[in-house]
C-alpha atoms as a PDB file:
ATOM      1  CA  MET A   1      -0.039  -0.165   0.023  1.00  0.00           C
ATOM      2  CA  THR A   2       1.346   3.480  -1.045  1.00  0.00           C
ATOM      3  CA  PRO A   3       1.859   5.679   2.049  1.00  0.00           C
ATOM      4  CA  THR A   4      -0.097   9.044   2.578  1.00  0.00           C
ATOM      5  CA  LEU A   5       2.411  11.874   1.616  1.00  0.00           C
ATOM      6  CA  ASP A   6      -0.033  15.061   1.086  1.00  0.00           C
ATOM      7  CA  ASN A   7       0.909  16.699   4.336  1.00  0.00           C
ATOM      8  CA  LEU A   8       4.611  15.922   3.883  1.00  0.00           C
ATOM      9  CA  ARG A   9       6.740  19.191   3.744  1.00  0.00           C
ATOM     10  CA  ILE A  10      10.467  19.269   2.362  1.00  0.00           C
ATOM     11  CA  PHE A  11      13.749  20.713   3.662  1.00  0.00           C
ATOM     12  CA  ASP A  12      16.208  20.931   0.738  1.00  0.00           C
ATOM     13  CA  GLY A  13      20.052  21.054   0.830  1.00  0.00           C
ATOM     14  CA  HIS A  14      20.754  23.658  -1.816  1.00  0.00           C
ATOM     15  CA  ASN A  15      19.549  26.455  -4.258  1.00  0.00           C
ATOM     16  CA  ASP A  16      20.904  29.125  -6.282  1.00  0.00           C
ATOM     17  CA  SER A  17      17.840  31.016  -6.437  1.00  0.00           C
ATOM     18  CA  LEU A  18      19.172  33.981  -4.147  1.00  0.00           C
ATOM     19  CA  MET A  19      21.528  34.769  -7.302  1.00  0.00           C
ATOM     20  CA  ILE A  20      18.755  35.067  -9.458  1.00  0.00           C
ATOM     21  CA  LEU A  21      16.882  37.504  -7.059  1.00  0.00           C
ATOM     22  CA  SER A  22      20.061  39.587  -6.983  1.00  0.00           C
ATOM     23  CA  GLY A  23      20.807  39.528 -10.906  1.00  0.00           C
ATOM     24  CA  THR A  24      17.346  39.861 -12.468  1.00  0.00           C
ATOM     25  CA  LYS A  25      13.838  41.390 -12.349  1.00  0.00           C
ATOM     26  CA  ARG A  26      12.262  37.991 -11.514  1.00  0.00           C
ATOM     27  CA  SER A  27      10.162  38.355  -8.333  1.00  0.00           C
ATOM     28  CA  PHE A  28      10.081  35.619  -5.745  1.00  0.00           C
ATOM     29  CA  LEU A  29       6.542  36.816  -4.723  1.00  0.00           C
ATOM     30  CA  GLU A  30       4.540  35.905  -7.867  1.00  0.00           C
ATOM     31  CA  ARG A  31       4.243  32.533  -9.759  1.00  0.00           C
ATOM     32  CA  SER A  32       6.475  32.160 -12.852  1.00  0.00           C
ATOM     33  CA  ASP A  33       7.357  29.872 -15.404  1.00  0.00           C
ATOM     34  CA  ILE A  34      11.015  31.402 -15.474  1.00  0.00           C
ATOM     35  CA  GLY A  35      13.730  29.494 -13.417  1.00  0.00           C
ATOM     36  CA  HIS A  36      12.887  26.982 -10.607  1.00  0.00           C
ATOM     37  CA  PHE A  37      11.981  28.815  -7.598  1.00  0.00           C
ATOM     38  CA  ASP A  38       9.388  31.214  -6.248  1.00  0.00           C
ATOM     39  CA  ILE A  39       7.189  31.286  -3.296  1.00  0.00           C
ATOM     40  CA  PRO A  40       3.858  30.221  -5.009  1.00  0.00           C
ATOM     41  CA  ARG A  41       5.635  27.324  -6.668  1.00  0.00           C
ATOM     42  CA  ALA A  42       7.281  26.487  -3.522  1.00  0.00           C
ATOM     43  CA  VAL A  43       4.089  26.138  -1.518  1.00  0.00           C
ATOM     44  CA  GLU A  44       2.905  23.840  -4.543  1.00  0.00           C
ATOM     45  CA  GLY A  45       5.811  21.689  -4.005  1.00  0.00           C
ATOM     46  CA  ARG A  46       5.347  21.580  -0.148  1.00  0.00           C
ATOM     47  CA  PHE A  47       8.717  23.343   0.147  1.00  0.00           C
ATOM     48  CA  GLY A  48       9.394  24.064   3.835  1.00  0.00           C
ATOM     49  CA  GLY A  49      12.823  25.327   3.989  1.00  0.00           C
ATOM     50  CA  GLY A  50      16.425  25.024   2.795  1.00  0.00           C
ATOM     51  CA  LEU A  51      20.028  26.173   2.232  1.00  0.00           C
ATOM     52  CA  PHE A  52      19.883  29.453   0.115  1.00  0.00           C
ATOM     53  CA  ALA A  53      23.138  29.739  -1.385  1.00  0.00           C
ATOM     54  CA  ILE A  54      25.184  33.015  -2.443  1.00  0.00           C
ATOM     55  CA  PHE A  55      27.430  31.891  -5.122  1.00  0.00           C
ATOM     56  CA  VAL A  56      30.023  34.575  -6.428  1.00  0.00           C
ATOM     57  CA  PRO A  57      30.507  34.554 -10.110  1.00  0.00           C
ATOM     58  CA  PRO A  58      33.476  35.676 -12.200  1.00  0.00           C
ATOM     59  CA  VAL A  59      33.788  39.445 -12.178  1.00  0.00           C
ATOM     60  CA  GLY A  60      31.205  40.914 -14.609  1.00  0.00           C
ATOM     61  CA  MET A  61      28.984  37.640 -15.100  1.00  0.00           C
ATOM     62  CA  GLN A  62      25.321  38.110 -14.196  1.00  0.00           C
ATOM     63  CA  PRO A  63      22.722  35.298 -14.230  1.00  0.00           C
ATOM     64  CA  GLU A  64      20.324  35.191 -16.947  1.00  0.00           C
ATOM     65  CA  ASP A  65      16.584  35.621 -16.313  1.00  0.00           C
ATOM     66  CA  GLY A  66      16.043  31.703 -16.068  1.00  0.00           C
ATOM     67  CA  VAL A  67      18.738  29.526 -14.402  1.00  0.00           C
ATOM     68  CA  PHE A  68      22.355  30.671 -13.197  1.00  0.00           C
ATOM     69  CA  SER A  69      24.012  27.859 -14.342  1.00  0.00           C
ATOM     70  CA  THR A  70      26.881  27.123 -11.962  1.00  0.00           C
ATOM     71  CA  ALA A  71      26.991  23.330 -12.569  1.00  0.00           C
ATOM     72  CA  MET A  72      29.137  22.721 -15.554  1.00  0.00           C
ATOM     73  CA  PRO A  73      31.872  25.148 -16.737  1.00  0.00           C
ATOM     74  CA  ALA A  74      34.055  24.707 -19.244  1.00  0.00           C
ATOM     75  CA  ARG A  75      37.272  22.706 -17.940  1.00  0.00           C
ATOM     76  CA  GLY A  76      40.247  25.229 -17.321  1.00  0.00           C
ATOM     77  CA  GLY A  77      37.857  28.021 -18.246  1.00  0.00           C
ATOM     78  CA  GLU A  78      37.417  31.609 -16.403  1.00  0.00           C
ATOM     79  CA  GLU A  79      35.036  30.022 -13.965  1.00  0.00           C
ATOM     80  CA  LEU A  80      37.797  28.127 -12.200  1.00  0.00           C
ATOM     81  CA  GLN A  81      40.075  30.889 -11.535  1.00  0.00           C
ATOM     82  CA  ALA A  82      40.244  32.489  -8.084  1.00  0.00           C
ATOM     83  CA  ILE A  83      37.791  35.282  -7.252  1.00  0.00           C
ATOM     84  CA  PRO A  84      39.101  38.653  -5.707  1.00  0.00           C
ATOM     85  CA  GLY A  85      38.086  38.945  -1.994  1.00  0.00           C
ATOM     86  CA  TYR A  86      36.837  42.507  -2.319  1.00  0.00           C
ATOM     87  CA  TYR A  87      34.670  41.583  -4.997  1.00  0.00           C
ATOM     88  CA  ALA A  88      33.230  38.373  -3.378  1.00  0.00           C
ATOM     89  CA  GLU A  89      32.279  40.632  -0.253  1.00  0.00           C
ATOM     90  CA  TRP A  90      30.500  43.093  -2.538  1.00  0.00           C
ATOM     91  CA  VAL A  91      28.337  40.396  -4.316  1.00  0.00           C
ATOM     92  CA  THR A  92      27.538  38.596  -0.880  1.00  0.00           C
ATOM     93  CA  ASP A  93      26.559  42.005   0.885  1.00  0.00           C
ATOM     94  CA  ARG A  94      24.332  42.784  -2.196  1.00  0.00           C
ATOM     95  CA  CYS A  95      22.778  39.400  -2.000  1.00  0.00           C
ATOM     96  CA  ILE A  96      22.244  39.463   1.699  1.00  0.00           C
ATOM     97  CA  ASP A  97      20.413  42.745   1.294  1.00  0.00           C
ATOM     98  CA  ARG A  98      18.168  41.860  -1.551  1.00  0.00           C
ATOM     99  CA  PHE A  99      17.099  38.763   0.608  1.00  0.00           C
ATOM    100  CA  LEU A 100      16.421  40.939   3.737  1.00  0.00           C
ATOM    101  CA  GLN A 101      14.180  43.098   1.461  1.00  0.00           C
ATOM    102  CA  LEU A 102      12.180  39.930   0.093  1.00  0.00           C
ATOM    103  CA  GLU A 103      11.704  38.783   3.803  1.00  0.00           C
ATOM    104  CA  GLN A 104      10.111  41.936   4.542  1.00  0.00           C
ATOM    105  CA  GLN A 105       8.062  42.238   1.590  1.00  0.00           C
ATOM    106  CA  SER A 106       6.852  38.612   1.788  1.00  0.00           C
ATOM    107  CA  GLY A 107       4.691  39.392   4.836  1.00  0.00           C
ATOM    108  CA  GLY A 108       6.284  36.377   6.633  1.00  0.00           C
ATOM    109  CA  ARG A 109       6.006  33.699   4.206  1.00  0.00           C
ATOM    110  CA  ILE A 110       9.924  33.459   3.953  1.00  0.00           C
ATOM    111  CA  CYS A 111      12.255  34.192   6.796  1.00  0.00           C
ATOM    112  CA  LEU A 112      15.712  33.994   7.512  1.00  0.00           C
ATOM    113  CA  THR A 113      16.790  30.944   9.739  1.00  0.00           C
ATOM    114  CA  ARG A 114      19.464  31.691  12.459  1.00  0.00           C
ATOM    115  CA  SER A 115      18.996  28.633  15.007  1.00  0.00           C
ATOM    116  CA  TYR A 116      17.453  25.284  15.192  1.00  0.00           C
ATOM    117  CA  GLY A 117      14.530  26.389  17.263  1.00  0.00           C
ATOM    118  CA  GLU A 118      13.661  28.957  14.686  1.00  0.00           C
ATOM    119  CA  LEU A 119      13.897  26.325  11.979  1.00  0.00           C
ATOM    120  CA  VAL A 120      11.306  23.960  13.867  1.00  0.00           C
ATOM    121  CA  ARG A 121       9.030  26.865  14.846  1.00  0.00           C
ATOM    122  CA  GLN A 122       8.907  28.052  11.222  1.00  0.00           C
ATOM    123  CA  PHE A 123       8.590  24.501   9.553  1.00  0.00           C
ATOM    124  CA  ALA A 124       5.644  23.997  11.800  1.00  0.00           C
ATOM    125  CA  ASP A 125       3.712  27.103  11.075  1.00  0.00           C
ATOM    126  CA  GLY A 126       4.200  26.799   7.344  1.00  0.00           C
ATOM    127  CA  THR A 127       6.852  29.514   6.961  1.00  0.00           C
ATOM    128  CA  ILE A 128       9.510  28.762   4.545  1.00  0.00           C
ATOM    129  CA  SER A 129      12.953  28.643   6.325  1.00  0.00           C
ATOM    130  CA  ALA A 130      15.883  30.252   4.692  1.00  0.00           C
ATOM    131  CA  ILE A 131      19.369  29.319   6.013  1.00  0.00           C
ATOM    132  CA  LEU A 132      21.915  31.684   4.531  1.00  0.00           C
ATOM    133  CA  HIS A 133      24.700  29.602   2.696  1.00  0.00           C
ATOM    134  CA  PHE A 134      27.991  30.710   1.248  1.00  0.00           C
ATOM    135  CA  GLU A 135      28.886  28.648  -1.803  1.00  0.00           C
ATOM    136  CA  GLY A 136      32.666  29.256  -1.632  1.00  0.00           C
ATOM    137  CA  ALA A 137      34.244  31.267   1.114  1.00  0.00           C
ATOM    138  CA  GLU A 138      35.703  33.717  -0.995  1.00  0.00           C
ATOM    139  CA  ALA A 139      33.997  36.496   1.003  1.00  0.00           C
ATOM    140  CA  ILE A 140      35.442  35.529   4.073  1.00  0.00           C
ATOM    141  CA  ALA A 141      39.001  37.355   4.984  1.00  0.00           C
ATOM    142  CA  ALA A 142      41.900  34.837   5.047  1.00  0.00           C
ATOM    143  CA  ASP A 143      42.534  35.871   8.756  1.00  0.00           C
ATOM    144  CA  LEU A 144      38.879  35.340   9.345  1.00  0.00           C
ATOM    145  CA  GLY A 145      38.554  38.901  10.748  1.00  0.00           C
ATOM    146  CA  ASN A 146      35.191  39.264   9.100  1.00  0.00           C
ATOM    147  CA  LEU A 147      33.634  35.895  10.029  1.00  0.00           C
ATOM    148  CA  ASP A 148      31.867  37.198  12.980  1.00  0.00           C
ATOM    149  CA  SER A 149      30.328  40.019  11.100  1.00  0.00           C
ATOM    150  CA  TYR A 150      28.835  37.559   8.569  1.00  0.00           C
ATOM    151  CA  TYR A 151      27.645  35.318  11.266  1.00  0.00           C
ATOM    152  CA  LYS A 152      25.699  38.246  12.602  1.00  0.00           C
ATOM    153  CA  LYS A 153      24.261  38.896   9.336  1.00  0.00           C
ATOM    154  CA  GLY A 154      22.900  35.296   9.435  1.00  0.00           C
ATOM    155  CA  LEU A 155      25.696  33.016   7.929  1.00  0.00           C
ATOM    156  CA  ARG A 156      24.987  29.476   9.071  1.00  0.00           C
ATOM    157  CA  SER A 157      26.245  27.442   6.301  1.00  0.00           C
ATOM    158  CA  LEU A 158      29.617  27.595   4.360  1.00  0.00           C
ATOM    159  CA  GLY A 159      31.104  25.728   1.513  1.00  0.00           C
ATOM    160  CA  LEU A 160      34.875  26.104   2.103  1.00  0.00           C
ATOM    161  CA  VAL A 161      35.349  26.375  -1.699  1.00  0.00           C
ATOM    162  CA  TRP A 162      33.367  26.394  -5.096  1.00  0.00           C
ATOM    163  CA  SER A 163      34.960  24.574  -7.772  1.00  0.00           C
ATOM    164  CA  ARG A 164      38.080  26.855  -7.808  1.00  0.00           C
ATOM    165  CA  PRO A 165      40.948  27.642  -5.515  1.00  0.00           C
ATOM    166  CA  ASN A 166      40.840  30.303  -2.781  1.00  0.00           C
ATOM    167  CA  ASP A 167      42.600  31.093   0.596  1.00  0.00           C
ATOM    168  CA  PHE A 168      41.231  28.016   2.175  1.00  0.00           C
ATOM    169  CA  GLY A 169      41.472  25.204  -0.219  1.00  0.00           C
ATOM    170  CA  PHE A 170      40.650  23.753  -3.613  1.00  0.00           C
ATOM    171  CA  GLY A 171      37.787  23.022  -5.547  1.00  0.00           C
ATOM    172  CA  VAL A 172      36.960  19.839  -7.474  1.00  0.00           C
ATOM    173  CA  ASP A 173      36.494  20.268 -11.318  1.00  0.00           C
ATOM    174  CA  PHE A 174      33.710  18.560 -13.616  1.00  0.00           C
ATOM    175  CA  ALA A 175      35.495  15.919 -15.177  1.00  0.00           C
ATOM    176  CA  PHE A 176      33.670  13.203 -16.802  1.00  0.00           C
ATOM    177  CA  PRO A 177      34.676  10.266 -16.080  1.00  0.00           C
ATOM    178  CA  GLY A 178      36.820  11.652 -13.364  1.00  0.00           C
ATOM    179  CA  SER A 179      38.252  11.332  -9.846  1.00  0.00           C
ATOM    180  CA  PRO A 180      37.671  13.956  -7.041  1.00  0.00           C
ATOM    181  CA  ASP A 181      41.386  13.487  -6.091  1.00  0.00           C
ATOM    182  CA  THR A 182      42.332  16.606  -8.154  1.00  0.00           C
ATOM    183  CA  GLY A 183      44.783  18.529  -5.882  1.00  0.00           C
ATOM    184  CA  PRO A 184      46.200  19.601  -2.566  1.00  0.00           C
ATOM    185  CA  GLY A 185      44.362  19.583   0.455  1.00  0.00           C
ATOM    186  CA  LEU A 186      43.291  22.528   2.616  1.00  0.00           C
ATOM    187  CA  THR A 187      45.520  25.303   3.412  1.00  0.00           C
ATOM    188  CA  PRO A 188      46.578  26.429   7.245  1.00  0.00           C
ATOM    189  CA  ALA A 189      43.742  29.129   6.835  1.00  0.00           C
ATOM    190  CA  GLY A 190      41.309  26.178   5.793  1.00  0.00           C
ATOM    191  CA  LEU A 191      41.956  24.396   8.846  1.00  0.00           C
ATOM    192  CA  GLU A 192      41.512  27.369  10.923  1.00  0.00           C
ATOM    193  CA  LEU A 193      38.360  28.237   9.103  1.00  0.00           C
ATOM    194  CA  VAL A 194      37.080  24.596  10.141  1.00  0.00           C
ATOM    195  CA  ALA A 195      37.777  25.192  13.707  1.00  0.00           C
ATOM    196  CA  ALA A 196      36.106  28.600  13.698  1.00  0.00           C
ATOM    197  CA  CYS A 197      32.764  27.372  12.360  1.00  0.00           C
ATOM    198  CA  ASN A 198      32.806  24.429  14.503  1.00  0.00           C
ATOM    199  CA  ALA A 199      33.013  26.690  17.439  1.00  0.00           C
ATOM    200  CA  LYS A 200      30.300  29.322  15.942  1.00  0.00           C
ATOM    201  CA  GLY A 201      27.832  26.653  14.844  1.00  0.00           C
ATOM    202  CA  ILE A 202      28.318  27.195  10.968  1.00  0.00           C
ATOM    203  CA  LEU A 203      27.642  24.213   8.917  1.00  0.00           C
ATOM    204  CA  LEU A 204      30.644  22.988   6.629  1.00  0.00           C
ATOM    205  CA  ASP A 205      29.592  21.754   3.208  1.00  0.00           C
ATOM    206  CA  LEU A 206      31.987  19.741   1.250  1.00  0.00           C
ATOM    207  CA  SER A 207      30.257  19.257  -2.105  1.00  0.00           C
ATOM    208  CA  HIS A 208      32.647  21.292  -4.138  1.00  0.00           C
ATOM    209  CA  LEU A 209      35.753  20.537  -2.251  1.00  0.00           C
ATOM    210  CA  ASN A 210      38.509  18.061  -3.826  1.00  0.00           C
ATOM    211  CA  GLU A 211      39.125  14.786  -2.037  1.00  0.00           C
ATOM    212  CA  LYS A 212      42.199  15.642  -0.162  1.00  0.00           C
ATOM    213  CA  GLY A 213      40.383  18.726   1.315  1.00  0.00           C
ATOM    214  CA  PHE A 214      37.520  16.320   2.070  1.00  0.00           C
ATOM    215  CA  TRP A 215      39.759  14.076   4.099  1.00  0.00           C
ATOM    216  CA  ASP A 216      41.288  17.072   5.878  1.00  0.00           C
ATOM    217  CA  VAL A 217      37.819  18.255   7.194  1.00  0.00           C
ATOM    218  CA  ALA A 218      37.038  14.884   8.277  1.00  0.00           C
ATOM    219  CA  GLN A 219      40.036  14.707  10.456  1.00  0.00           C
ATOM    220  CA  LYS A 220      39.894  18.386  11.893  1.00  0.00           C
ATOM    221  CA  SER A 221      36.154  18.774  12.199  1.00  0.00           C
ATOM    222  CA  SER A 222      34.069  17.626  15.226  1.00  0.00           C
ATOM    223  CA  LYS A 223      30.606  18.040  13.496  1.00  0.00           C
ATOM    224  CA  PRO A 224      28.862  15.919  11.171  1.00  0.00           C
ATOM    225  CA  LEU A 225      30.261  15.930   7.366  1.00  0.00           C
ATOM    226  CA  VAL A 226      27.697  17.354   5.117  1.00  0.00           C
ATOM    227  CA  ALA A 227      27.719  17.276   1.040  1.00  0.00           C
ATOM    228  CA  SER A 228      24.644  19.396   0.417  1.00  0.00           C
ATOM    229  CA  HIS A 229      24.285  18.754  -3.317  1.00  0.00           C
ATOM    230  CA  SER A 230      26.328  16.049  -4.577  1.00  0.00           C
ATOM    231  CA  CYS A 231      25.674  12.442  -5.939  1.00  0.00           C
ATOM    232  CA  MET A 232      27.123   8.974  -5.992  1.00  0.00           C
ATOM    233  CA  HIS A 233      30.313   8.359  -7.818  1.00  0.00           C
ATOM    234  CA  GLY A 234      29.893   4.767  -7.995  1.00  0.00           C
ATOM    235  CA  LEU A 235      26.533   5.188 -10.172  1.00  0.00           C
ATOM    236  CA  CYS A 236      28.013   8.545 -12.009  1.00  0.00           C
ATOM    237  CA  PRO A 237      31.886   8.712 -12.333  1.00  0.00           C
ATOM    238  CA  CYS A 238      31.926  12.470 -12.369  1.00  0.00           C
ATOM    239  CA  SER A 239      34.595  14.078 -10.403  1.00  0.00           C
ATOM    240  CA  ARG A 240      32.138  15.974  -8.461  1.00  0.00           C
ATOM    241  CA  ASN A 241      30.436  13.115  -7.153  1.00  0.00           C
ATOM    242  CA  LEU A 242      31.337  11.215  -3.673  1.00  0.00           C
ATOM    243  CA  THR A 243      33.209   8.024  -3.433  1.00  0.00           C
ATOM    244  CA  ASP A 244      32.199   5.123  -1.384  1.00  0.00           C
ATOM    245  CA  ALA A 245      34.935   5.626   0.996  1.00  0.00           C
ATOM    246  CA  GLN A 246      33.530   9.493   1.444  1.00  0.00           C
ATOM    247  CA  LEU A 247      30.104   8.093   1.889  1.00  0.00           C
ATOM    248  CA  ALA A 248      31.589   5.473   4.816  1.00  0.00           C
ATOM    249  CA  ALA A 249      33.190   8.853   6.614  1.00  0.00           C
ATOM    250  CA  ILE A 250      29.891  10.806   6.050  1.00  0.00           C
ATOM    251  CA  LYS A 251      28.020   7.939   7.642  1.00  0.00           C
ATOM    252  CA  GLU A 252      30.511   7.417  10.591  1.00  0.00           C
ATOM    253  CA  SER A 253      30.273  11.346  11.518  1.00  0.00           C
ATOM    254  CA  ASN A 254      26.455  11.028  11.546  1.00  0.00           C
ATOM    255  CA  GLY A 255      26.262  13.477   8.413  1.00  0.00           C
ATOM    256  CA  VAL A 256      24.291  13.626   5.248  1.00  0.00           C
ATOM    257  CA  VAL A 257      24.504  14.018   1.442  1.00  0.00           C
ATOM    258  CA  GLY A 258      21.661  15.952  -0.262  1.00  0.00           C
ATOM    259  CA  ILE A 259      21.134  14.570  -3.705  1.00  0.00           C
ATOM    260  CA  ASN A 260      21.645  16.988  -6.756  1.00  0.00           C
ATOM    261  CA  PHE A 261      19.065  17.044  -9.332  1.00  0.00           C
ATOM    262  CA  ALA A 262      21.651  17.942 -12.217  1.00  0.00           C
ATOM    263  CA  PRO A 263      21.526  15.117 -14.828  1.00  0.00           C
ATOM    264  CA  ALA A 264      25.388  15.296 -15.424  1.00  0.00           C
ATOM    265  CA  PHE A 265      25.884  14.280 -11.825  1.00  0.00           C
ATOM    266  CA  LEU A 266      22.914  11.634 -12.224  1.00  0.00           C
ATOM    267  CA  ARG A 267      23.339   9.914 -15.190  1.00  0.00           C
ATOM    268  CA  SER A 268      25.784   6.810 -15.793  1.00  0.00           C
ATOM    269  CA  ASP A 269      26.629   8.498 -19.143  1.00  0.00           C
ATOM    270  CA  GLY A 270      27.201  11.716 -17.741  1.00  0.00           C
ATOM    271  CA  GLN A 271      25.093  13.536 -20.469  1.00  0.00           C
ATOM    272  CA  LEU A 272      23.393  16.886 -19.508  1.00  0.00           C
ATOM    273  CA  THR A 273      19.935  16.501 -20.833  1.00  0.00           C
ATOM    274  CA  ALA A 274      16.433  17.226 -19.402  1.00  0.00           C
ATOM    275  CA  GLN A 275      15.330  13.896 -20.695  1.00  0.00           C
ATOM    276  CA  THR A 276      16.265  12.294 -17.514  1.00  0.00           C
ATOM    277  CA  PRO A 277      13.871  10.381 -15.462  1.00  0.00           C
ATOM    278  CA  ILE A 278      12.911  11.033 -11.835  1.00  0.00           C
ATOM    279  CA  ASP A 279      14.059   7.269 -11.351  1.00  0.00           C
ATOM    280  CA  GLU A 280      17.680   8.398 -11.536  1.00  0.00           C
ATOM    281  CA  ILE A 281      17.328  10.472  -8.388  1.00  0.00           C
ATOM    282  CA  VAL A 282      15.618   7.697  -6.902  1.00  0.00           C
ATOM    283  CA  HIS A 283      18.542   5.344  -7.990  1.00  0.00           C
ATOM    284  CA  HIS A 284      21.200   7.728  -6.324  1.00  0.00           C
ATOM    285  CA  ILE A 285      19.075   7.844  -3.297  1.00  0.00           C
ATOM    286  CA  ARG A 286      18.816   3.918  -2.974  1.00  0.00           C
ATOM    287  CA  TYR A 287      22.536   3.766  -3.577  1.00  0.00           C
ATOM    288  CA  GLY A 288      23.136   6.107  -0.745  1.00  0.00           C
ATOM    289  CA  VAL A 289      20.888   4.223   1.689  1.00  0.00           C
ATOM    290  CA  ASP A 290      22.208   0.702   0.937  1.00  0.00           C
ATOM    291  CA  ARG A 291      25.653   2.064   1.875  1.00  0.00           C
ATOM    292  CA  MET A 292      25.069   4.565   4.639  1.00  0.00           C
ATOM    293  CA  GLY A 293      21.708   3.715   5.901  1.00  0.00           C
ATOM    294  CA  ILE A 294      18.392   5.607   5.620  1.00  0.00           C
ATOM    295  CA  ASP A 295      19.825   8.384   8.168  1.00  0.00           C
ATOM    296  CA  HIS A 296      22.260   9.894   5.768  1.00  0.00           C
ATOM    297  CA  VAL A 297      20.371  10.639   2.457  1.00  0.00           C
ATOM    298  CA  ALA A 298      18.478  13.662   1.665  1.00  0.00           C
ATOM    299  CA  PHE A 299      17.637  16.360  -1.066  1.00  0.00           C
ATOM    300  CA  GLY A 300      20.116  18.918  -2.360  1.00  0.00           C
ATOM    301  CA  SER A 301      18.432  20.055  -5.532  1.00  0.00           C
ATOM    302  CA  ASP A 302      20.529  22.825  -6.871  1.00  0.00           C
ATOM    303  CA  PHE A 303      17.449  24.601  -8.089  1.00  0.00           C
ATOM    304  CA  ASP A 304      18.389  27.591 -10.349  1.00  0.00           C
ATOM    305  CA  GLY A 305      21.836  26.383 -10.666  1.00  0.00           C
ATOM    306  CA  VAL A 306      21.462  23.548 -12.980  1.00  0.00           C
ATOM    307  CA  LEU A 307      19.417  21.944 -15.775  1.00  0.00           C
ATOM    308  CA  LEU A 308      16.699  20.202 -14.183  1.00  0.00           C
ATOM    309  CA  PRO A 309      15.017  16.859 -15.558  1.00  0.00           C
ATOM    310  CA  ASP A 310      11.770  17.763 -17.349  1.00  0.00           C
ATOM    311  CA  GLU A 311       9.816  15.582 -14.915  1.00  0.00           C
ATOM    312  CA  VAL A 312      10.775  17.472 -12.038  1.00  0.00           C
ATOM    313  CA  GLY A 313      10.544  20.952 -13.633  1.00  0.00           C
ATOM    314  CA  SER A 314      10.848  23.344 -10.804  1.00  0.00           C
ATOM    315  CA  VAL A 315      10.232  23.236  -6.775  1.00  0.00           C
ATOM    316  CA  SER A 316       6.766  22.400  -7.762  1.00  0.00           C
ATOM    317  CA  GLY A 317       7.735  19.014  -8.709  1.00  0.00           C
ATOM    318  CA  PHE A 318       8.844  17.956  -5.442  1.00  0.00           C
ATOM    319  CA  PRO A 319       5.747  15.733  -4.649  1.00  0.00           C
ATOM    320  CA  LYS A 320       6.472  13.704  -7.957  1.00  0.00           C
ATOM    321  CA  ILE A 321       9.799  12.825  -6.211  1.00  0.00           C
ATOM    322  CA  LEU A 322       7.948  11.922  -3.168  1.00  0.00           C
ATOM    323  CA  THR A 323       5.549   9.656  -5.017  1.00  0.00           C
ATOM    324  CA  ARG A 324       8.382   7.877  -6.862  1.00  0.00           C
ATOM    325  CA  LEU A 325      10.087   7.179  -3.748  1.00  0.00           C
ATOM    326  CA  ALA A 326       6.842   5.760  -2.291  1.00  0.00           C
ATOM    327  CA  GLU A 327       6.284   3.487  -5.445  1.00  0.00           C
ATOM    328  CA  ALA A 328      10.005   2.277  -5.264  1.00  0.00           C
ATOM    329  CA  GLY A 329       9.272   0.840  -1.798  1.00  0.00           C
ATOM    330  CA  PHE A 330      10.278   3.599   0.778  1.00  0.00           C
ATOM    331  CA  ASP A 331       7.868   3.653   3.778  1.00  0.00           C
ATOM    332  CA  ARG A 332       6.426   6.873   5.111  1.00  0.00           C
ATOM    333  CA  PRO A 333       9.032   7.035   8.048  1.00  0.00           C
ATOM    334  CA  ALA A 334      11.611   6.507   5.471  1.00  0.00           C
ATOM    335  CA  ILE A 335      10.524   9.193   3.306  1.00  0.00           C
ATOM    336  CA  GLU A 336      10.157  11.646   6.160  1.00  0.00           C
ATOM    337  CA  LYS A 337      13.806  11.173   6.859  1.00  0.00           C
ATOM    338  CA  ILE A 338      14.749  11.952   3.487  1.00  0.00           C
ATOM    339  CA  ALA A 339      12.445  14.842   3.044  1.00  0.00           C
ATOM    340  CA  TYR A 340      13.484  16.621   6.090  1.00  0.00           C
ATOM    341  CA  GLY A 341      14.376  14.455   8.864  1.00  0.00           C
ATOM    342  CA  ASN A 342      18.124  13.943   8.132  1.00  0.00           C
ATOM    343  CA  TRP A 343      18.705  17.511   7.762  1.00  0.00           C
ATOM    344  CA  PHE A 344      16.974  18.332  10.800  1.00  0.00           C
ATOM    345  CA  ARG A 345      19.161  15.921  12.734  1.00  0.00           C
ATOM    346  CA  VAL A 346      22.336  17.376  11.146  1.00  0.00           C
ATOM    347  CA  LEU A 347      21.394  20.879  11.661  1.00  0.00           C
ATOM    348  CA  LYS A 348      20.420  20.253  15.311  1.00  0.00           C
ATOM    349  CA  ASP A 349      24.031  18.815  15.718  1.00  0.00           C
ATOM    350  CA  THR A 350      25.516  21.773  14.251  1.00  0.00           C
ATOM    351  CA  LEU A 351      23.663  25.062  14.589  1.00  0.00           C
ATOM    352  CA  LEU A 352      23.527  26.828  18.042  1.00  0.00           C
ATOM    353  CA  LEU A 353      20.179  26.286  19.693  1.00  0.00           C
END
């Protein structure tokens, strides 16, 4: 018997929708067929909250009015070059200001989330919870001098790198087929940043970090290991995906993997095509559950940052994925963990109450 899922809300580990809000005239408040996310479609998709990313593009590059595609840059292209810190701070501050305006304009429909307690209350009352995430730490000073300032502004989740080098470490590329073992580990400043984030209650995201950096975090961090928007290397051998050894470390730390919906990270042939069935998402969830257990797999869509499978379409397509999970044999308690419970556990273990 298929479980009833109509009242099940979702917490999603990654979207790039703040970049669209900051770079185009698109409104989050009105329903649109442009891009992947707005509040009306989020309500349709039973989206209860997520990590909202700020990504710093190359200087002068702005998102189009549809999707800001950060997923598959040309190898060795401009996107993989280091970003000046002053520029990263300017972009980041602009995005935070735009989100705070949205929060005010939304009339309480979407709110910045600063603690686990706020997350639980917002999720229960139907508010969309937005946890502020930096996708790459370029805006953070090498001496960590502005980390406290960004924490006060709402930073609660941080990717040490995007897929390029910075003061803290080295990103993994987008090779297919390819290994995530692509360069050196964390710098001394990166190790200091890990310790500082642990102390302040800032979640560390490893999705764009290369393998040596991943193992440096695994050794240094006292918190659950998180890959907010990654898939399984055993099913799709893209260098951006996680090896079985990395999955084992995430399980051991009581962490979580948010499954990315990008076809190039899902498909065994690595093709970037919207003609990719939802079943590919289910396959990666099943693979992760088989190797880590049901407590360590969740969603990490990458809305507004990637091409989506046509079957998903936008945030409103989440119920289709839940239905497909039920048809694949996952029961209600298991789907609850994938939909939001596993993220809640990790955030409770990481954020300050």
